[in-house]
Structure formats: C-alpha cells, structure tokens
Amino acid sequence: MLEEAVVADLSVSENRERVKALQPSTEDESPQATIQSITRRITQSKVWENPKKWKQVQTLLKKLEALVTDEKDFEQTNSQSESLGE
C-alpha cells in the first residue's frame, strides 16, 4: 500500500480514505465485538507509554466507568421499585 501511495503520488487525505476503506467497519460488529476490538487495539498500541495519550485514555475510561455505574444504579433502582410494588 505504501508503494502504491508513493507511485500514485497520493495526497494524505487520499491515503487516509484508502486506509479507512481497508479497516473493518464497526457498524457491522456487535457492541461486544466493538469493545473487545478497541480493548485489544489499546493493549497492542501500548498507549500508556505516551503520557499525553494515556491521560486521554484515562479520561475516557472514567467516562465509561461512570456510564456503567449509572446504568447499574438505574437497573438496581428499577428492580427495587418493582419488588416493592411501585
């Protein structure tokens, strides 16, 4: 692909489009597969070795944790309300 880009004198945006076309679409993946794929890519990239990127990842992880925690709290509140006959 690199050789093609050099030979065809492709612009950066054209290269990005080609790379994007080669990557699997996350729209076709199940939510579980998407999470597993992202987790695998984060682990493989060793993003924690770059302090700036790691800080961004930590921020996003905290947001995800808050979403999961909120969801659990919501489900617990609903199940408690149902069991109390509310």
PDB file of N, CA and C in Angstrom:
ATOM      1  N   MET A   1       0.821  -1.182   0.000  1.00  0.00           N
ATOM      2  CA  MET A   1       0.000   0.000   0.000  1.00  0.00           C
ATOM      3  C   MET A   1       0.872   1.255   0.000  1.00  0.00           C
ATOM      4  N   LEU A   2       1.952   1.217   0.759  1.00  0.00           N
ATOM      5  CA  LEU A   2       2.860   2.355   0.803  1.00  0.00           C
ATOM      6  C   LEU A   2       3.465   2.616  -0.567  1.00  0.00           C
ATOM      7  N   GLU A   3       3.872   1.541  -1.226  1.00  0.00           N
ATOM      8  CA  GLU A   3       4.447   1.689  -2.565  1.00  0.00           C
ATOM      9  C   GLU A   3       3.419   2.294  -3.526  1.00  0.00           C
ATOM     10  N   GLU A   4       2.176   1.836  -3.437  1.00  0.00           N
ATOM     11  CA  GLU A   4       1.117   2.372  -4.293  1.00  0.00           C
ATOM     12  C   GLU A   4       0.936   3.868  -4.051  1.00  0.00           C
ATOM     13  N   ALA A   5       0.966   4.264  -2.798  1.00  0.00           N
ATOM     14  CA  ALA A   5       0.779   5.670  -2.449  1.00  0.00           C
ATOM     15  C   ALA A   5       1.904   6.529  -3.020  1.00  0.00           C
ATOM     16  N   VAL A   6       3.122   6.016  -2.945  1.00  0.00           N
ATOM     17  CA  VAL A   6       4.265   6.761  -3.465  1.00  0.00           C
ATOM     18  C   VAL A   6       4.206   6.826  -4.985  1.00  0.00           C
ATOM     19  N   VAL A   7       3.954   5.693  -5.619  1.00  0.00           N
ATOM     20  CA  VAL A   7       3.910   5.636  -7.081  1.00  0.00           C
ATOM     21  C   VAL A   7       2.783   6.512  -7.629  1.00  0.00           C
ATOM     22  N   ALA A   8       1.613   6.438  -6.975  1.00  0.00           N
ATOM     23  CA  ALA A   8       0.457   7.199  -7.447  1.00  0.00           C
ATOM     24  C   ALA A   8       0.480   8.643  -6.954  1.00  0.00           C
ATOM     25  N   ASP A   9       1.469   8.989  -6.132  1.00  0.00           N
ATOM     26  CA  ASP A   9       1.594  10.340  -5.578  1.00  0.00           C
ATOM     27  C   ASP A   9       0.284  10.792  -4.930  1.00  0.00           C
ATOM     28  N   LEU A  10      -0.216   9.936  -4.034  1.00  0.00           N
ATOM     29  CA  LEU A  10      -1.488  10.216  -3.375  1.00  0.00           C
ATOM     30  C   LEU A  10      -1.323  11.264  -2.279  1.00  0.00           C
ATOM     31  N   SER A  11      -2.351  12.061  -2.101  1.00  0.00           N
ATOM     32  CA  SER A  11      -2.340  13.049  -1.025  1.00  0.00           C
ATOM     33  C   SER A  11      -2.586  12.337   0.305  1.00  0.00           C
ATOM     34  N   VAL A  12      -2.370  13.050   1.390  1.00  0.00           N
ATOM     35  CA  VAL A  12      -2.582  12.483   2.720  1.00  0.00           C
ATOM     36  C   VAL A  12      -4.050  12.085   2.881  1.00  0.00           C
ATOM     37  N   SER A  13      -4.962  12.934   2.436  1.00  0.00           N
ATOM     38  CA  SER A  13      -6.387  12.618   2.579  1.00  0.00           C
ATOM     39  C   SER A  13      -6.773  11.398   1.743  1.00  0.00           C
ATOM     40  N   GLU A  14      -6.178  11.249   0.575  1.00  0.00           N
ATOM     41  CA  GLU A  14      -6.454  10.057  -0.244  1.00  0.00           C
ATOM     42  C   GLU A  14      -5.919   8.801   0.445  1.00  0.00           C
ATOM     43  N   ASN A  15      -4.759   8.911   1.059  1.00  0.00           N
ATOM     44  CA  ASN A  15      -4.203   7.773   1.806  1.00  0.00           C
ATOM     45  C   ASN A  15      -5.099   7.409   2.972  1.00  0.00           C
ATOM     46  N   ARG A  16      -5.590   8.409   3.683  1.00  0.00           N
ATOM     47  CA  ARG A  16      -6.484   8.148   4.814  1.00  0.00           C
ATOM     48  C   ARG A  16      -7.744   7.436   4.353  1.00  0.00           C
ATOM     49  N   GLU A  17      -8.301   7.875   3.247  1.00  0.00           N
ATOM     50  CA  GLU A  17      -9.505   7.232   2.724  1.00  0.00           C
ATOM     51  C   GLU A  17      -9.246   5.772   2.389  1.00  0.00           C
ATOM     52  N   ARG A  18      -8.104   5.497   1.794  1.00  0.00           N
ATOM     53  CA  ARG A  18      -7.772   4.111   1.453  1.00  0.00           C
ATOM     54  C   ARG A  18      -7.589   3.254   2.700  1.00  0.00           C
ATOM     55  N   VAL A  19      -6.915   3.788   3.702  1.00  0.00           N
ATOM     56  CA  VAL A  19      -6.711   3.051   4.958  1.00  0.00           C
ATOM     57  C   VAL A  19      -8.057   2.807   5.617  1.00  0.00           C
ATOM     58  N   LYS A  20      -8.890   3.823   5.658  1.00  0.00           N
ATOM     59  CA  LYS A  20     -10.208   3.689   6.272  1.00  0.00           C
ATOM     60  C   LYS A  20     -11.038   2.625   5.556  1.00  0.00           C
ATOM     61  N   ALA A  21     -10.930   2.565   4.249  1.00  0.00           N
ATOM     62  CA  ALA A  21     -11.675   1.572   3.480  1.00  0.00           C
ATOM     63  C   ALA A  21     -11.215   0.152   3.785  1.00  0.00           C
ATOM     64  N   LEU A  22      -9.950   0.000   4.139  1.00  0.00           N
ATOM     65  CA  LEU A  22      -9.410  -1.330   4.440  1.00  0.00           C
ATOM     66  C   LEU A  22      -9.741  -1.800   5.847  1.00  0.00           C
ATOM     67  N   GLN A  23     -10.036  -0.858   6.742  1.00  0.00           N
ATOM     68  CA  GLN A  23     -10.324  -1.227   8.121  1.00  0.00           C
ATOM     69  C   GLN A  23     -11.740  -1.774   8.223  1.00  0.00           C
ATOM     70  N   PRO A  24     -11.927  -2.772   9.100  1.00  0.00           N
ATOM     71  CA  PRO A  24     -13.268  -3.339   9.253  1.00  0.00           C
ATOM     72  C   PRO A  24     -14.221  -2.296   9.821  1.00  0.00           C
ATOM     73  N   SER A  25     -15.421  -2.311   9.329  1.00  0.00           N
ATOM     74  CA  SER A  25     -16.435  -1.369   9.782  1.00  0.00           C
ATOM     75  C   SER A  25     -16.958  -1.783  11.146  1.00  0.00           C
ATOM     76  N   THR A  26     -17.016  -0.824  12.071  1.00  0.00           N
ATOM     77  CA  THR A  26     -17.537  -1.123  13.398  1.00  0.00           C
ATOM     78  C   THR A  26     -19.062  -1.186  13.379  1.00  0.00           C
ATOM     79  N   GLU A  27     -19.680  -0.678  12.302  1.00  0.00           N
ATOM     80  CA  GLU A  27     -21.133  -0.724  12.200  1.00  0.00           C
ATOM     81  C   GLU A  27     -21.633  -2.160  12.075  1.00  0.00           C
ATOM     82  N   ASP A  28     -20.823  -3.024  11.467  1.00  0.00           N
ATOM     83  CA  ASP A  28     -21.211  -4.417  11.259  1.00  0.00           C
ATOM     84  C   ASP A  28     -20.961  -5.268  12.499  1.00  0.00           C
ATOM     85  N   GLU A  29     -20.147  -4.772  13.409  1.00  0.00           N
ATOM     86  CA  GLU A  29     -19.786  -5.534  14.599  1.00  0.00           C
ATOM     87  C   GLU A  29     -20.862  -5.397  15.678  1.00  0.00           C
ATOM     88  N   SER A  30     -20.932  -6.408  16.493  1.00  0.00           N
ATOM     89  CA  SER A  30     -21.810  -6.329  17.654  1.00  0.00           C
ATOM     90  C   SER A  30     -21.172  -5.380  18.662  1.00  0.00           C
ATOM     91  N   PRO A  31     -21.946  -4.856  19.595  1.00  0.00           N
ATOM     92  CA  PRO A  31     -21.353  -3.991  20.629  1.00  0.00           C
ATOM     93  C   PRO A  31     -20.222  -4.689  21.391  1.00  0.00           C
ATOM     94  N   GLN A  32     -20.414  -5.960  21.692  1.00  0.00           N
ATOM     95  CA  GLN A  32     -19.385  -6.706  22.423  1.00  0.00           C
ATOM     96  C   GLN A  32     -18.101  -6.819  21.589  1.00  0.00           C
ATOM     97  N   ALA A  33     -18.254  -7.090  20.299  1.00  0.00           N
ATOM     98  CA  ALA A  33     -17.088  -7.225  19.427  1.00  0.00           C
ATOM     99  C   ALA A  33     -16.362  -5.887  19.295  1.00  0.00           C
ATOM    100  N   THR A  34     -17.109  -4.805  19.252  1.00  0.00           N
ATOM    101  CA  THR A  34     -16.500  -3.477  19.163  1.00  0.00           C
ATOM    102  C   THR A  34     -15.668  -3.193  20.399  1.00  0.00           C
ATOM    103  N   ILE A  35     -16.214  -3.480  21.569  1.00  0.00           N
ATOM    104  CA  ILE A  35     -15.483  -3.249  22.823  1.00  0.00           C
ATOM    105  C   ILE A  35     -14.227  -4.117  22.876  1.00  0.00           C
ATOM    106  N   GLN A  36     -14.354  -5.378  22.499  1.00  0.00           N
ATOM    107  CA  GLN A  36     -13.192  -6.276  22.508  1.00  0.00           C
ATOM    108  C   GLN A  36     -12.126  -5.794  21.529  1.00  0.00           C
ATOM    109  N   SER A  37     -12.545  -5.346  20.359  1.00  0.00           N
ATOM    110  CA  SER A  37     -11.606  -4.866  19.350  1.00  0.00           C
ATOM    111  C   SER A  37     -10.851  -3.637  19.833  1.00  0.00           C
ATOM    112  N   ILE A  38     -11.573  -2.697  20.409  1.00  0.00           N
ATOM    113  CA  ILE A  38     -10.937  -1.481  20.911  1.00  0.00           C
ATOM    114  C   ILE A  38      -9.987  -1.813  22.054  1.00  0.00           C
ATOM    115  N   THR A  39     -10.410  -2.684  22.953  1.00  0.00           N
ATOM    116  CA  THR A  39      -9.557  -3.080  24.073  1.00  0.00           C
ATOM    117  C   THR A  39      -8.269  -3.728  23.565  1.00  0.00           C
ATOM    118  N   ARG A  40      -8.407  -4.603  22.578  1.00  0.00           N
ATOM    119  CA  ARG A  40      -7.232  -5.273  22.002  1.00  0.00           C
ATOM    120  C   ARG A  40      -6.295  -4.237  21.367  1.00  0.00           C
ATOM    121  N   ARG A  41      -6.854  -3.287  20.628  1.00  0.00           N
ATOM    122  CA  ARG A  41      -6.023  -2.282  19.965  1.00  0.00           C
ATOM    123  C   ARG A  41      -5.326  -1.367  20.972  1.00  0.00           C
ATOM    124  N   ILE A  42      -6.001  -1.028  22.049  1.00  0.00           N
ATOM    125  CA  ILE A  42      -5.374  -0.210  23.092  1.00  0.00           C
ATOM    126  C   ILE A  42      -4.210  -0.967  23.707  1.00  0.00           C
ATOM    127  N   THR A  43      -4.423  -2.242  23.999  1.00  0.00           N
ATOM    128  CA  THR A  43      -3.378  -3.060  24.607  1.00  0.00           C
ATOM    129  C   THR A  43      -2.188  -3.212  23.660  1.00  0.00           C
ATOM    130  N   GLN A  44      -2.460  -3.481  22.389  1.00  0.00           N
ATOM    131  CA  GLN A  44      -1.382  -3.670  21.421  1.00  0.00           C
ATOM    132  C   GLN A  44      -0.592  -2.392  21.170  1.00  0.00           C
ATOM    133  N   SER A  45      -1.273  -1.255  21.222  1.00  0.00           N
ATOM    134  CA  SER A  45      -0.594   0.012  20.932  1.00  0.00           C
ATOM    135  C   SER A  45       0.261   0.494  22.096  1.00  0.00           C
ATOM    136  N   LYS A  46       0.041  -0.112  23.279  1.00  0.00           N
ATOM    137  CA  LYS A  46       0.769   0.288  24.490  1.00  0.00           C
ATOM    138  C   LYS A  46       0.650   1.795  24.696  1.00  0.00           C
ATOM    139  N   VAL A  47      -0.581   2.282  24.617  1.00  0.00           N
ATOM    140  CA  VAL A  47      -0.864   3.706  24.691  1.00  0.00           C
ATOM    141  C   VAL A  47      -0.375   4.328  26.001  1.00  0.00           C
ATOM    142  N   TRP A  48      -0.219   3.527  27.039  1.00  0.00           N
ATOM    143  CA  TRP A  48       0.240   4.026  28.333  1.00  0.00           C
ATOM    144  C   TRP A  48       1.686   4.500  28.284  1.00  0.00           C
ATOM    145  N   GLU A  49       2.407   4.157  27.224  1.00  0.00           N
ATOM    146  CA  GLU A  49       3.791   4.603  27.087  1.00  0.00           C
ATOM    147  C   GLU A  49       3.883   6.063  26.625  1.00  0.00           C
ATOM    148  N   ASN A  50       2.778   6.599  26.147  1.00  0.00           N
ATOM    149  CA  ASN A  50       2.722   8.002  25.735  1.00  0.00           C
ATOM    150  C   ASN A  50       1.865   8.743  26.767  1.00  0.00           C
ATOM    151  N   PRO A  51       2.498   9.529  27.642  1.00  0.00           N
ATOM    152  CA  PRO A  51       1.755  10.168  28.737  1.00  0.00           C
ATOM    153  C   PRO A  51       0.553  11.004  28.277  1.00  0.00           C
ATOM    154  N   LYS A  52       0.698  11.714  27.184  1.00  0.00           N
ATOM    155  CA  LYS A  52      -0.397  12.558  26.698  1.00  0.00           C
ATOM    156  C   LYS A  52      -1.595  11.700  26.267  1.00  0.00           C
ATOM    157  N   LYS A  53      -1.313  10.647  25.495  1.00  0.00           N
ATOM    158  CA  LYS A  53      -2.386   9.761  25.047  1.00  0.00           C
ATOM    159  C   LYS A  53      -2.984   8.994  26.220  1.00  0.00           C
ATOM    160  N   TRP A  54      -2.142   8.573  27.158  1.00  0.00           N
ATOM    161  CA  TRP A  54      -2.632   7.808  28.303  1.00  0.00           C
ATOM    162  C   TRP A  54      -3.586   8.649  29.137  1.00  0.00           C
ATOM    163  N   LYS A  55      -3.296   9.925  29.282  1.00  0.00           N
ATOM    164  CA  LYS A  55      -4.178  10.811  30.029  1.00  0.00           C
ATOM    165  C   LYS A  55      -5.547  10.890  29.336  1.00  0.00           C
ATOM    166  N   GLN A  56      -5.553  10.952  28.010  1.00  0.00           N
ATOM    167  CA  GLN A  56      -6.813  10.971  27.262  1.00  0.00           C
ATOM    168  C   GLN A  56      -7.576   9.660  27.451  1.00  0.00           C
ATOM    169  N   VAL A  57      -6.855   8.556  27.414  1.00  0.00           N
ATOM    170  CA  VAL A  57      -7.487   7.250  27.613  1.00  0.00           C
ATOM    171  C   VAL A  57      -8.086   7.164  29.015  1.00  0.00           C
ATOM    172  N   GLN A  58      -7.341   7.635  30.006  1.00  0.00           N
ATOM    173  CA  GLN A  58      -7.848   7.600  31.378  1.00  0.00           C
ATOM    174  C   GLN A  58      -9.138   8.416  31.518  1.00  0.00           C
ATOM    175  N   THR A  59      -9.180   9.563  30.877  1.00  0.00           N
ATOM    176  CA  THR A  59     -10.376  10.406  30.915  1.00  0.00           C
ATOM    177  C   THR A  59     -11.562   9.664  30.299  1.00  0.00           C
ATOM    178  N   LEU A  60     -11.325   9.038  29.167  1.00  0.00           N
ATOM    179  CA  LEU A  60     -12.396   8.289  28.502  1.00  0.00           C
ATOM    180  C   LEU A  60     -12.827   7.079  29.325  1.00  0.00           C
ATOM    181  N   LEU A  61     -11.869   6.406  29.948  1.00  0.00           N
ATOM    182  CA  LEU A  61     -12.199   5.254  30.790  1.00  0.00           C
ATOM    183  C   LEU A  61     -13.060   5.670  31.983  1.00  0.00           C
ATOM    184  N   LYS A  62     -12.754   6.825  32.559  1.00  0.00           N
ATOM    185  CA  LYS A  62     -13.560   7.322  33.675  1.00  0.00           C
ATOM    186  C   LYS A  62     -14.992   7.608  33.228  1.00  0.00           C
ATOM    187  N   LYS A  63     -15.139   8.150  32.020  1.00  0.00           N
ATOM    188  CA  LYS A  63     -16.480   8.416  31.493  1.00  0.00           C
ATOM    189  C   LYS A  63     -17.241   7.109  31.264  1.00  0.00           C
ATOM    190  N   LEU A  64     -16.536   6.115  30.734  1.00  0.00           N
ATOM    191  CA  LEU A  64     -17.171   4.809  30.518  1.00  0.00           C
ATOM    192  C   LEU A  64     -17.563   4.178  31.850  1.00  0.00           C
ATOM    193  N   GLU A  65     -16.682   4.282  32.831  1.00  0.00           N
ATOM    194  CA  GLU A  65     -16.974   3.744  34.156  1.00  0.00           C
ATOM    195  C   GLU A  65     -18.213   4.417  34.742  1.00  0.00           C
ATOM    196  N   ALA A  66     -18.311   5.730  34.560  1.00  0.00           N
ATOM    197  CA  ALA A  66     -19.471   6.458  35.063  1.00  0.00           C
ATOM    198  C   ALA A  66     -20.747   5.992  34.356  1.00  0.00           C
ATOM    199  N   LEU A  67     -20.659   5.752  33.064  1.00  0.00           N
ATOM    200  CA  LEU A  67     -21.827   5.257  32.332  1.00  0.00           C
ATOM    201  C   LEU A  67     -22.261   3.893  32.833  1.00  0.00           C
ATOM    202  N   VAL A  68     -21.300   3.019  33.048  1.00  0.00           N
ATOM    203  CA  VAL A  68     -21.605   1.667  33.522  1.00  0.00           C
ATOM    204  C   VAL A  68     -22.171   1.723  34.933  1.00  0.00           C
ATOM    205  N   THR A  69     -21.577   2.544  35.776  1.00  0.00           N
ATOM    206  CA  THR A  69     -22.048   2.682  37.147  1.00  0.00           C
ATOM    207  C   THR A  69     -23.452   3.255  37.172  1.00  0.00           C
ATOM    208  N   ASP A  70     -23.703   4.299  36.378  1.00  0.00           N
ATOM    209  CA  ASP A  70     -25.035   4.887  36.296  1.00  0.00           C
ATOM    210  C   ASP A  70     -26.055   3.859  35.836  1.00  0.00           C
ATOM    211  N   GLU A  71     -25.687   3.045  34.874  1.00  0.00           N
ATOM    212  CA  GLU A  71     -26.591   2.021  34.345  1.00  0.00           C
ATOM    213  C   GLU A  71     -26.911   0.988  35.421  1.00  0.00           C
ATOM    214  N   LYS A  72     -25.897   0.566  36.171  1.00  0.00           N
ATOM    215  CA  LYS A  72     -26.121  -0.408  37.238  1.00  0.00           C
ATOM    216  C   LYS A  72     -27.025   0.180  38.313  1.00  0.00           C
ATOM    217  N   ASP A  73     -26.768   1.440  38.683  1.00  0.00           N
ATOM    218  CA  ASP A  73     -27.598   2.100  39.685  1.00  0.00           C
ATOM    219  C   ASP A  73     -29.036   2.212  39.208  1.00  0.00           C
ATOM    220  N   PHE A  74     -29.200   2.546  37.928  1.00  0.00           N
ATOM    221  CA  PHE A  74     -30.530   2.674  37.349  1.00  0.00           C
ATOM    222  C   PHE A  74     -31.264   1.334  37.384  1.00  0.00           C
ATOM    223  N   GLU A  75     -30.559   0.265  36.998  1.00  0.00           N
ATOM    224  CA  GLU A  75     -31.175  -1.065  36.994  1.00  0.00           C
ATOM    225  C   GLU A  75     -31.530  -1.506  38.413  1.00  0.00           C
ATOM    226  N   GLN A  76     -30.647  -1.233  39.384  1.00  0.00           N
ATOM    227  CA  GLN A  76     -30.920  -1.608  40.770  1.00  0.00           C
ATOM    228  C   GLN A  76     -32.124  -0.840  41.305  1.00  0.00           C
ATOM    229  N   THR A  77     -32.208   0.440  40.992  1.00  0.00           N
ATOM    230  CA  THR A  77     -33.331   1.255  41.444  1.00  0.00           C
ATOM    231  C   THR A  77     -34.628   0.745  40.862  1.00  0.00           C
ATOM    232  N   ASN A  78     -34.608   0.406  39.564  1.00  0.00           N
ATOM    233  CA  ASN A  78     -35.811  -0.115  38.913  1.00  0.00           C
ATOM    234  C   ASN A  78     -36.221  -1.460  39.492  1.00  0.00           C
ATOM    235  N   SER A  79     -35.262  -2.349  39.730  1.00  0.00           N
ATOM    236  CA  SER A  79     -35.610  -3.672  40.247  1.00  0.00           C
ATOM    237  C   SER A  79     -36.123  -3.560  41.682  1.00  0.00           C
ATOM    238  N   GLN A  80     -35.566  -2.639  42.471  1.00  0.00           N
ATOM    239  CA  GLN A  80     -36.048  -2.434  43.836  1.00  0.00           C
ATOM    240  C   GLN A  80     -37.453  -1.866  43.829  1.00  0.00           C
ATOM    241  N   SER A  81     -37.729  -0.950  42.910  1.00  0.00           N
ATOM    242  CA  SER A  81     -39.063  -0.344  42.804  1.00  0.00           C
ATOM    243  C   SER A  81     -40.085  -1.403  42.415  1.00  0.00           C
ATOM    244  N   GLU A  82     -39.709  -2.272  41.480  1.00  0.00           N
ATOM    245  CA  GLU A  82     -40.632  -3.327  41.034  1.00  0.00           C
ATOM    246  C   GLU A  82     -40.901  -4.326  42.154  1.00  0.00           C
ATOM    247  N   SER A  83     -39.882  -4.649  42.949  1.00  0.00           N
ATOM    248  CA  SER A  83     -40.059  -5.620  44.009  1.00  0.00           C
ATOM    249  C   SER A  83     -40.888  -5.044  45.154  1.00  0.00           C
ATOM    250  N   LEU A  84     -40.916  -3.726  45.280  1.00  0.00           N
ATOM    251  CA  LEU A  84     -41.704  -3.068  46.308  1.00  0.00           C
ATOM    252  C   LEU A  84     -43.125  -2.789  45.837  1.00  0.00           C
ATOM    253  N   GLY A  85     -43.400  -3.114  44.581  1.00  0.00           N
ATOM    254  CA  GLY A  85     -44.729  -2.933  44.029  1.00  0.00           C
ATOM    255  C   GLY A  85     -45.039  -1.511  43.631  1.00  0.00           C
ATOM    256  N   GLU A  86     -44.023  -0.727  43.383  1.00  0.00           N
ATOM    257  CA  GLU A  86     -44.226   0.664  42.991  1.00  0.00           C
ATOM    258  C   GLU A  86     -44.476   0.777  41.520  1.00  0.00           C
TER     259      GLU A  86
END
